Amino acid sequence: MRQSNQVFQFPLNISYEDFLPYYRGQVTKVEVIDTAGRTLWISARHFRPFFTRSGIRAYFKMVVDEQGNLISLNKN
């Protein structure tokens, strides 16, 4: 039986200054809590495209495969 992809939705609100260590690779994982209350550790590199001068302030939808590999990460 084939397992299905998992979908997680969560807000992320982090300032420019607070995200710099992640952007520079000094910190590798971002901890978020999804709307179902699950704690997720996501590689910070996936958030780099969303990083602006005001930081990252968005609601995200993330899809992972059955092995936990990222399929997509999009702002909602």
Protein backbone atom coordinates (compact mmCIF):
# COMPACT_ATOMS: atom_id res chain seq x y z
CA MET A 1 0.00 0.00 0.00
CA ARG A 2 1.41 3.40 -1.00
CA GLN A 3 1.67 6.04 1.68
CA SER A 4 0.62 9.56 0.85
CA ASN A 5 2.45 12.84 1.17
CA GLN A 6 2.07 14.83 4.36
CA VAL A 7 0.97 18.45 4.36
CA PHE A 8 1.91 20.89 7.13
CA GLN A 9 0.73 24.48 7.50
CA PHE A 10 2.34 26.99 9.83
CA PRO A 11 3.04 30.68 10.35
CA LEU A 12 6.60 31.99 10.52
CA ASN A 13 7.36 35.43 11.89
CA ILE A 14 11.08 36.09 12.29
CA SER A 15 12.88 39.41 12.04
CA TYR A 16 15.74 40.15 9.67
CA GLU A 17 18.24 40.24 12.54
CA ASP A 18 16.97 37.00 14.06
CA PHE A 19 17.15 35.14 10.74
CA LEU A 20 20.70 36.24 9.84
CA PRO A 21 22.40 33.33 11.71
CA TYR A 22 20.18 30.92 9.76
CA TYR A 23 20.90 32.67 6.46
CA ARG A 24 24.65 32.55 7.13
CA GLY A 25 24.52 28.84 7.94
CA GLN A 26 25.47 29.32 11.61
CA VAL A 27 22.16 27.73 12.58
CA THR A 28 20.82 25.02 10.30
CA LYS A 29 17.28 24.24 11.45
CA VAL A 30 14.23 26.40 12.00
CA GLU A 31 11.75 25.18 14.61
CA VAL A 32 8.09 25.82 13.82
CA ILE A 33 4.81 24.61 15.25
CA ASP A 34 2.21 23.70 12.67
CA THR A 35 -1.51 24.38 12.95
CA ALA A 36 -2.05 20.87 14.40
CA GLY A 37 0.41 21.59 17.24
CA ARG A 38 3.25 19.45 15.87
CA THR A 39 6.81 20.70 16.27
CA LEU A 40 8.78 20.61 13.01
CA TRP A 41 12.50 21.15 12.42
CA ILE A 42 13.03 22.43 8.88
CA SER A 43 16.32 23.16 7.16
CA ALA A 44 16.85 26.92 7.17
CA ARG A 45 18.05 26.84 3.56
CA HIS A 46 14.47 26.23 2.43
CA PHE A 47 13.44 29.64 3.80
CA ARG A 48 16.20 31.67 2.11
CA PRO A 49 14.04 32.52 -0.95
CA PHE A 50 11.48 34.11 1.39
CA PHE A 51 14.02 36.21 3.35
CA THR A 52 13.59 39.99 2.92
CA ARG A 53 14.75 43.14 4.69
CA SER A 54 11.78 42.78 7.02
CA GLY A 55 12.64 39.14 7.77
CA ILE A 56 10.16 36.37 7.11
CA ARG A 57 6.52 37.01 7.90
CA ALA A 58 4.26 34.54 6.18
CA TYR A 59 1.96 31.58 6.47
CA PHE A 60 3.46 28.49 4.80
CA LYS A 61 2.25 25.22 3.36
CA MET A 62 4.86 22.46 3.24
CA VAL A 63 4.49 19.08 1.55
CA VAL A 64 6.86 16.19 2.31
CA ASP A 65 6.98 12.66 0.92
CA GLU A 66 6.64 9.50 2.98
CA GLN A 67 10.40 9.59 3.80
CA GLY A 68 10.15 13.18 5.04
CA ASN A 69 11.83 14.73 1.99
CA LEU A 70 10.61 18.19 1.04
CA ILE A 71 8.42 18.29 -2.06
CA SER A 72 7.29 21.90 -1.81
CA LEU A 73 7.30 24.91 0.50
CA ASN A 74 5.04 27.79 -0.49
CA LYS A 75 3.70 30.96 1.10
CA ASN A 76 -0.08 30.96 1.42
